[in-house]
């Protein structure tokens, strides 16, 4: 969070990271996190295997508040 205005600074990293043992569980957790985060103006992203690591790394550069990963 930016100390001056309390806004999220995407270059500062996520506010929270949730680790899950499986891809399916990570997706389920991210669905719930998205529902909770949306009204608060936050966003979440599921970082899982089976997808291009380069594409996921580029997506993370957009700045996410919550990361759910395997």
PDB file of N, CA and C in Angstrom:
ATOM      1  N   UNK A   1       0.839  -1.182   0.000  1.00  0.00           N
ATOM      2  CA  UNK A   1       0.000   0.000   0.000  1.00  0.00           C
ATOM      3  C   UNK A   1       0.880   1.238   0.000  1.00  0.00           C
ATOM      4  N   UNK A   2       0.413   2.230  -0.712  1.00  0.00           N
ATOM      5  CA  UNK A   2       1.127   3.495  -0.755  1.00  0.00           C
ATOM      6  C   UNK A   2       0.908   4.225   0.568  1.00  0.00           C
ATOM      7  N   UNK A   3       1.968   4.624   1.222  1.00  0.00           N
ATOM      8  CA  UNK A   3       1.857   5.265   2.534  1.00  0.00           C
ATOM      9  C   UNK A   3       1.163   6.618   2.466  1.00  0.00           C
ATOM     10  N   UNK A   4       1.245   7.284   1.329  1.00  0.00           N
ATOM     11  CA  UNK A   4       0.676   8.624   1.216  1.00  0.00           C
ATOM     12  C   UNK A   4      -0.835   8.629   1.025  1.00  0.00           C
ATOM     13  N   UNK A   5      -1.343   7.727   0.196  1.00  0.00           N
ATOM     14  CA  UNK A   5      -2.776   7.766  -0.096  1.00  0.00           C
ATOM     15  C   UNK A   5      -3.510   6.464   0.219  1.00  0.00           C
ATOM     16  N   UNK A   6      -2.833   5.473   0.736  1.00  0.00           N
ATOM     17  CA  UNK A   6      -3.477   4.220   1.090  1.00  0.00           C
ATOM     18  C   UNK A   6      -3.879   3.355  -0.088  1.00  0.00           C
ATOM     19  N   UNK A   7      -3.477   3.744  -1.298  1.00  0.00           N
ATOM     20  CA  UNK A   7      -3.810   2.985  -2.491  1.00  0.00           C
ATOM     21  C   UNK A   7      -2.810   1.841  -2.681  1.00  0.00           C
ATOM     22  N   UNK A   8      -3.261   0.801  -3.382  1.00  0.00           N
ATOM     23  CA  UNK A   8      -2.401  -0.342  -3.654  1.00  0.00           C
ATOM     24  C   UNK A   8      -1.359   0.017  -4.706  1.00  0.00           C
ATOM     25  N   UNK A   9      -0.115  -0.265  -4.414  1.00  0.00           N
ATOM     26  CA  UNK A   9       0.982  -0.050  -5.355  1.00  0.00           C
ATOM     27  C   UNK A   9       1.300  -1.383  -6.023  1.00  0.00           C
ATOM     28  N   UNK A  10       0.975  -1.564  -7.321  1.00  0.00           N
ATOM     29  CA  UNK A  10       1.182  -2.850  -7.976  1.00  0.00           C
ATOM     30  C   UNK A  10       2.643  -3.279  -8.018  1.00  0.00           C
ATOM     31  N   UNK A  11       3.571  -2.346  -7.882  1.00  0.00           N
ATOM     32  CA  UNK A  11       4.983  -2.716  -7.899  1.00  0.00           C
ATOM     33  C   UNK A  11       5.451  -3.195  -6.530  1.00  0.00           C
ATOM     34  N   UNK A  12       4.610  -3.068  -5.510  1.00  0.00           N
ATOM     35  CA  UNK A  12       4.990  -3.447  -4.162  1.00  0.00           C
ATOM     36  C   UNK A  12       4.740  -4.909  -3.835  1.00  0.00           C
ATOM     37  N   UNK A  13       4.108  -5.636  -4.732  1.00  0.00           N
ATOM     38  CA  UNK A  13       3.828  -7.041  -4.494  1.00  0.00           C
ATOM     39  C   UNK A  13       2.427  -7.248  -3.953  1.00  0.00           C
ATOM     40  N   UNK A  14       1.996  -8.496  -3.862  1.00  0.00           N
ATOM     41  CA  UNK A  14       0.647  -8.796  -3.401  1.00  0.00           C
ATOM     42  C   UNK A  14       0.482  -8.563  -1.900  1.00  0.00           C
ATOM     43  N   UNK A  15      -0.765  -8.416  -1.481  1.00  0.00           N
ATOM     44  CA  UNK A  15      -1.078  -8.281  -0.059  1.00  0.00           C
ATOM     45  C   UNK A  15      -1.130  -9.640   0.628  1.00  0.00           C
ATOM     46  N   UNK A  16      -1.458 -10.683  -0.146  1.00  0.00           N
ATOM     47  CA  UNK A  16      -1.543 -12.015   0.431  1.00  0.00           C
ATOM     48  C   UNK A  16      -1.310 -13.094  -0.607  1.00  0.00           C
ATOM     49  N   UNK A  17      -0.763 -14.212  -0.151  1.00  0.00           N
ATOM     50  CA  UNK A  17      -0.530 -15.362  -1.012  1.00  0.00           C
ATOM     51  C   UNK A  17      -1.147 -16.578  -0.336  1.00  0.00           C
ATOM     52  N   UNK A  18      -1.953 -17.323  -1.103  1.00  0.00           N
ATOM     53  CA  UNK A  18      -2.578 -18.550  -0.618  1.00  0.00           C
ATOM     54  C   UNK A  18      -1.982 -19.702  -1.405  1.00  0.00           C
ATOM     55  N   UNK A  19      -1.468 -20.717  -0.717  1.00  0.00           N
ATOM     56  CA  UNK A  19      -0.913 -21.892  -1.384  1.00  0.00           C
ATOM     57  C   UNK A  19      -1.884 -23.054  -1.273  1.00  0.00           C
ATOM     58  N   UNK A  20      -2.111 -23.724  -2.393  1.00  0.00           N
ATOM     59  CA  UNK A  20      -3.021 -24.865  -2.442  1.00  0.00           C
ATOM     60  C   UNK A  20      -2.273 -26.074  -3.014  1.00  0.00           C
ATOM     61  N   UNK A  21      -2.654 -27.285  -2.614  1.00  0.00           N
ATOM     62  CA  UNK A  21      -1.918 -28.465  -3.076  1.00  0.00           C
ATOM     63  C   UNK A  21      -2.259 -28.912  -4.500  1.00  0.00           C
ATOM     64  N   UNK A  22      -3.385 -28.474  -5.060  1.00  0.00           N
ATOM     65  CA  UNK A  22      -3.766 -28.915  -6.398  1.00  0.00           C
ATOM     66  C   UNK A  22      -4.264 -27.747  -7.240  1.00  0.00           C
ATOM     67  N   UNK A  23      -4.190 -27.930  -8.542  1.00  0.00           N
ATOM     68  CA  UNK A  23      -4.682 -26.930  -9.485  1.00  0.00           C
ATOM     69  C   UNK A  23      -6.167 -26.667  -9.272  1.00  0.00           C
ATOM     70  N   UNK A  24      -6.936 -27.743  -9.121  1.00  0.00           N
ATOM     71  CA  UNK A  24      -8.386 -27.616  -8.962  1.00  0.00           C
ATOM     72  C   UNK A  24      -8.737 -26.827  -7.697  1.00  0.00           C
ATOM     73  N   UNK A  25      -8.065 -27.114  -6.615  1.00  0.00           N
ATOM     74  CA  UNK A  25      -8.336 -26.416  -5.366  1.00  0.00           C
ATOM     75  C   UNK A  25      -7.916 -24.947  -5.467  1.00  0.00           C
ATOM     76  N   UNK A  26      -6.800 -24.677  -6.134  1.00  0.00           N
ATOM     77  CA  UNK A  26      -6.360 -23.292  -6.321  1.00  0.00           C
ATOM     78  C   UNK A  26      -7.413 -22.510  -7.110  1.00  0.00           C
ATOM     79  N   UNK A  27      -7.981 -23.109  -8.138  1.00  0.00           N
ATOM     80  CA  UNK A  27      -9.013 -22.437  -8.930  1.00  0.00           C
ATOM     81  C   UNK A  27     -10.270 -22.191  -8.091  1.00  0.00           C
ATOM     82  N   UNK A  28     -10.654 -23.159  -7.267  1.00  0.00           N
ATOM     83  CA  UNK A  28     -11.827 -22.984  -6.407  1.00  0.00           C
ATOM     84  C   UNK A  28     -11.589 -21.863  -5.390  1.00  0.00           C
ATOM     85  N   UNK A  29     -10.416 -21.838  -4.796  1.00  0.00           N
ATOM     86  CA  UNK A  29     -10.086 -20.795  -3.825  1.00  0.00           C
ATOM     87  C   UNK A  29     -10.083 -19.432  -4.508  1.00  0.00           C
ATOM     88  N   UNK A  30      -9.522 -19.372  -5.714  1.00  0.00           N
ATOM     89  CA  UNK A  30      -9.476 -18.100  -6.439  1.00  0.00           C
ATOM     90  C   UNK A  30     -10.881 -17.614  -6.789  1.00  0.00           C
ATOM     91  N   UNK A  31     -11.783 -18.524  -7.129  1.00  0.00           N
ATOM     92  CA  UNK A  31     -13.166 -18.128  -7.416  1.00  0.00           C
ATOM     93  C   UNK A  31     -13.799 -17.463  -6.192  1.00  0.00           C
ATOM     94  N   UNK A  32     -13.588 -18.050  -5.024  1.00  0.00           N
ATOM     95  CA  UNK A  32     -14.132 -17.482  -3.786  1.00  0.00           C
ATOM     96  C   UNK A  32     -13.434 -16.158  -3.464  1.00  0.00           C
ATOM     97  N   UNK A  33     -12.103 -16.128  -3.608  1.00  0.00           N
ATOM     98  CA  UNK A  33     -11.352 -14.905  -3.335  1.00  0.00           C
ATOM     99  C   UNK A  33     -11.825 -13.776  -4.246  1.00  0.00           C
ATOM    100  N   UNK A  34     -12.078 -14.098  -5.519  1.00  0.00           N
ATOM    101  CA  UNK A  34     -12.540 -13.073  -6.464  1.00  0.00           C
ATOM    102  C   UNK A  34     -13.885 -12.501  -6.017  1.00  0.00           C
ATOM    103  N   UNK A  35     -14.782 -13.363  -5.543  1.00  0.00           N
ATOM    104  CA  UNK A  35     -16.089 -12.904  -5.065  1.00  0.00           C
ATOM    105  C   UNK A  35     -15.965 -12.003  -3.836  1.00  0.00           C
ATOM    106  N   UNK A  36     -15.014 -12.298  -2.974  1.00  0.00           N
ATOM    107  CA  UNK A  36     -14.805 -11.486  -1.776  1.00  0.00           C
ATOM    108  C   UNK A  36     -14.079 -10.189  -2.123  1.00  0.00           C
ATOM    109  N   UNK A  37     -13.101 -10.271  -3.002  1.00  0.00           N
ATOM    110  CA  UNK A  37     -12.269  -9.111  -3.343  1.00  0.00           C
ATOM    111  C   UNK A  37     -13.005  -8.080  -4.183  1.00  0.00           C
ATOM    112  N   UNK A  38     -13.843  -8.505  -5.094  1.00  0.00           N
ATOM    113  CA  UNK A  38     -14.475  -7.589  -6.042  1.00  0.00           C
ATOM    114  C   UNK A  38     -15.192  -6.415  -5.383  1.00  0.00           C
ATOM    115  N   UNK A  39     -16.064  -6.650  -4.374  1.00  0.00           N
ATOM    116  CA  UNK A  39     -16.729  -5.503  -3.737  1.00  0.00           C
ATOM    117  C   UNK A  39     -15.768  -4.568  -2.997  1.00  0.00           C
ATOM    118  N   UNK A  40     -14.589  -5.076  -2.664  1.00  0.00           N
ATOM    119  CA  UNK A  40     -13.600  -4.282  -1.936  1.00  0.00           C
ATOM    120  C   UNK A  40     -12.648  -3.536  -2.872  1.00  0.00           C
ATOM    121  N   UNK A  41     -12.812  -3.738  -4.176  1.00  0.00           N
ATOM    122  CA  UNK A  41     -11.926  -3.096  -5.138  1.00  0.00           C
ATOM    123  C   UNK A  41     -10.577  -3.772  -5.252  1.00  0.00           C
ATOM    124  N   UNK A  42     -10.503  -5.026  -4.831  1.00  0.00           N
ATOM    125  CA  UNK A  42      -9.273  -5.798  -4.912  1.00  0.00           C
ATOM    126  C   UNK A  42      -9.400  -6.833  -6.027  1.00  0.00           C
ATOM    127  N   UNK A  43      -8.286  -7.465  -6.385  1.00  0.00           N
ATOM    128  CA  UNK A  43      -8.346  -8.524  -7.384  1.00  0.00           C
ATOM    129  C   UNK A  43      -7.433  -9.668  -7.002  1.00  0.00           C
ATOM    130  N   UNK A  44      -7.731 -10.837  -7.569  1.00  0.00           N
ATOM    131  CA  UNK A  44      -6.936 -12.023  -7.264  1.00  0.00           C
ATOM    132  C   UNK A  44      -6.577 -12.735  -8.560  1.00  0.00           C
ATOM    133  N   UNK A  45      -5.556 -13.584  -8.475  1.00  0.00           N
ATOM    134  CA  UNK A  45      -5.074 -14.314  -9.641  1.00  0.00           C
ATOM    135  C   UNK A  45      -4.612 -15.690  -9.198  1.00  0.00           C
ATOM    136  N   UNK A  46      -4.979 -16.717  -9.971  1.00  0.00           N
ATOM    137  CA  UNK A  46      -4.524 -18.081  -9.694  1.00  0.00           C
ATOM    138  C   UNK A  46      -3.285 -18.366 -10.531  1.00  0.00           C
ATOM    139  N   UNK A  47      -2.223 -18.726  -9.876  1.00  0.00           N
ATOM    140  CA  UNK A  47      -0.946 -19.037 -10.507  1.00  0.00           C
ATOM    141  C   UNK A  47      -0.737 -20.544 -10.357  1.00  0.00           C
ATOM    142  N   UNK A  48      -0.939 -21.280 -11.467  1.00  0.00           N
ATOM    143  CA  UNK A  48      -0.900 -22.738 -11.388  1.00  0.00           C
ATOM    144  C   UNK A  48      -0.067 -23.330 -12.499  1.00  0.00           C
ATOM    145  N   UNK A  49       0.245 -24.595 -12.354  1.00  0.00           N
ATOM    146  CA  UNK A  49       0.969 -25.311 -13.396  1.00  0.00           C
ATOM    147  C   UNK A  49       0.062 -25.597 -14.581  1.00  0.00           C
ATOM    148  N   UNK A  50       0.678 -25.995 -15.686  1.00  0.00           N
ATOM    149  CA  UNK A  50      -0.086 -26.328 -16.873  1.00  0.00           C
ATOM    150  C   UNK A  50      -0.295 -25.158 -17.818  1.00  0.00           C
ATOM    151  N   UNK A  51       0.173 -23.984 -17.412  1.00  0.00           N
ATOM    152  CA  UNK A  51       0.077 -22.787 -18.248  1.00  0.00           C
ATOM    153  C   UNK A  51       1.478 -22.208 -18.419  1.00  0.00           C
ATOM    154  N   UNK A  52       1.666 -21.409 -19.430  1.00  0.00           N
ATOM    155  CA  UNK A  52       2.964 -20.802 -19.703  1.00  0.00           C
ATOM    156  C   UNK A  52       3.408 -19.948 -18.525  1.00  0.00           C
ATOM    157  N   UNK A  53       4.594 -20.234 -18.010  1.00  0.00           N
ATOM    158  CA  UNK A  53       5.119 -19.453 -16.892  1.00  0.00           C
ATOM    159  C   UNK A  53       5.393 -18.015 -17.328  1.00  0.00           C
ATOM    160  N   UNK A  54       5.784 -17.834 -18.589  1.00  0.00           N
ATOM    161  CA  UNK A  54       6.041 -16.474 -19.085  1.00  0.00           C
ATOM    162  C   UNK A  54       4.756 -15.662 -19.136  1.00  0.00           C
ATOM    163  N   UNK A  55       3.669 -16.270 -19.624  1.00  0.00           N
ATOM    164  CA  UNK A  55       2.385 -15.568 -19.681  1.00  0.00           C
ATOM    165  C   UNK A  55       1.898 -15.198 -18.285  1.00  0.00           C
ATOM    166  N   UNK A  56       2.050 -16.130 -17.339  1.00  0.00           N
ATOM    167  CA  UNK A  56       1.611 -15.862 -15.974  1.00  0.00           C
ATOM    168  C   UNK A  56       2.470 -14.772 -15.327  1.00  0.00           C
ATOM    169  N   UNK A  57       3.758 -14.770 -15.602  1.00  0.00           N
ATOM    170  CA  UNK A  57       4.640 -13.740 -15.055  1.00  0.00           C
ATOM    171  C   UNK A  57       4.256 -12.367 -15.598  1.00  0.00           C
ATOM    172  N   UNK A  58       3.935 -12.299 -16.888  1.00  0.00           N
ATOM    173  CA  UNK A  58       3.499 -11.027 -17.474  1.00  0.00           C
ATOM    174  C   UNK A  58       2.192 -10.563 -16.851  1.00  0.00           C
ATOM    175  N   UNK A  59       1.277 -11.497 -16.598  1.00  0.00           N
ATOM    176  CA  UNK A  59       0.000 -11.158 -15.978  1.00  0.00           C
ATOM    177  C   UNK A  59       0.214 -10.617 -14.577  1.00  0.00           C
ATOM    178  N   UNK A  60       1.147 -11.188 -13.834  1.00  0.00           N
ATOM    179  CA  UNK A  60       1.422 -10.725 -12.474  1.00  0.00           C
ATOM    180  C   UNK A  60       1.919  -9.283 -12.450  1.00  0.00           C
ATOM    181  N   UNK A  61       2.512  -8.832 -13.535  1.00  0.00           N
ATOM    182  CA  UNK A  61       3.005  -7.447 -13.602  1.00  0.00           C
ATOM    183  C   UNK A  61       1.886  -6.428 -13.559  1.00  0.00           C
ATOM    184  N   UNK A  62       0.642  -6.865 -13.779  1.00  0.00           N
ATOM    185  CA  UNK A  62      -0.495  -5.945 -13.732  1.00  0.00           C
ATOM    186  C   UNK A  62      -0.842  -5.566 -12.298  1.00  0.00           C
ATOM    187  N   UNK A  63      -0.312  -6.283 -11.335  1.00  0.00           N
ATOM    188  CA  UNK A  63      -0.540  -5.968  -9.934  1.00  0.00           C
ATOM    189  C   UNK A  63      -1.806  -6.616  -9.404  1.00  0.00           C
ATOM    190  N   UNK A  64      -1.641  -7.661  -8.634  1.00  0.00           N
ATOM    191  CA  UNK A  64      -2.758  -8.361  -8.014  1.00  0.00           C
ATOM    192  C   UNK A  64      -2.631  -8.265  -6.509  1.00  0.00           C
ATOM    193  N   UNK A  65      -3.747  -8.179  -5.833  1.00  0.00           N
ATOM    194  CA  UNK A  65      -3.767  -8.057  -4.381  1.00  0.00           C
ATOM    195  C   UNK A  65      -3.601  -9.427  -3.711  1.00  0.00           C
ATOM    196  N   UNK A  66      -4.259 -10.444  -4.261  1.00  0.00           N
ATOM    197  CA  UNK A  66      -4.209 -11.789  -3.705  1.00  0.00           C
ATOM    198  C   UNK A  66      -3.737 -12.743  -4.802  1.00  0.00           C
ATOM    199  N   UNK A  67      -2.749 -13.572  -4.485  1.00  0.00           N
ATOM    200  CA  UNK A  67      -2.249 -14.589  -5.402  1.00  0.00           C
ATOM    201  C   UNK A  67      -2.579 -15.952  -4.790  1.00  0.00           C
ATOM    202  N   UNK A  68      -3.240 -16.797  -5.584  1.00  0.00           N
ATOM    203  CA  UNK A  68      -3.513 -18.177  -5.174  1.00  0.00           C
ATOM    204  C   UNK A  68      -2.644 -19.050  -6.058  1.00  0.00           C
ATOM    205  N   UNK A  69      -1.801 -19.882  -5.467  1.00  0.00           N
ATOM    206  CA  UNK A  69      -0.837 -20.647  -6.240  1.00  0.00           C
ATOM    207  C   UNK A  69      -0.750 -22.094  -5.772  1.00  0.00           C
ATOM    208  N   UNK A  70      -0.238 -22.937  -6.673  1.00  0.00           N
ATOM    209  CA  UNK A  70       0.051 -24.336  -6.315  1.00  0.00           C
ATOM    210  C   UNK A  70       1.530 -24.475  -6.103  1.00  0.00           C
TER     211      UNK A  70
END
